[in-house]
Amino acid sequence: MSIDDDVVAANGEFYAAIESGHVDRIVALWDDAEDISCVHPGWPPVRGRSRVARSWAVIMANTAYLQFFPTEVNVTVAGDVAIVGCEHSVLARITDSEDGLGETARVVATNVFRRRADGWRLWAHHASPVLTATDTTAPDDGDRT
């Protein structure tokens, strides 16, 4: 396997871990350093290993189902750091009192990995929703008075 293949595999394991719903599996993929950071869609940045772990626990406790369908994955490796840019269609089922809400969304993410003795470990994750034309409130190009 090439270095790029190793990074793609680590990135794939991250999304497989999220889909599994097992917080310990997700957290095990993160670097042990305290300078890790995570931005979930719509959230402010979460920094530090314990806070990042807690954020995943909150998400998994309130999410019945997540599945990612990657549409594009780009990898850049520079020494012991790798950046993976991803686009995904996401299928989610959120737990609520009415037996769940289904939702699909498009998300773009940037995952930064550091190479460690035990492989590539997540250093930073930043995910954002992709807005559609119906999600924006910008005025059209029509008559402006």
Foldseek 3Di string as FASTA:
>chain_A
DDLQVLVVVLVVQLQVVLQVLDLVSNLVQADPDQAAWEADAPRDIFGGSVRVSVVSVVVSVFWPGKDWDWPDWDWDDDPFKIKIKTKTWMWTWTDDPVGTDIDIFIKIKIWMWGQDPVGTGTRYMYMYTDDDPVRDDDDDPDDDD
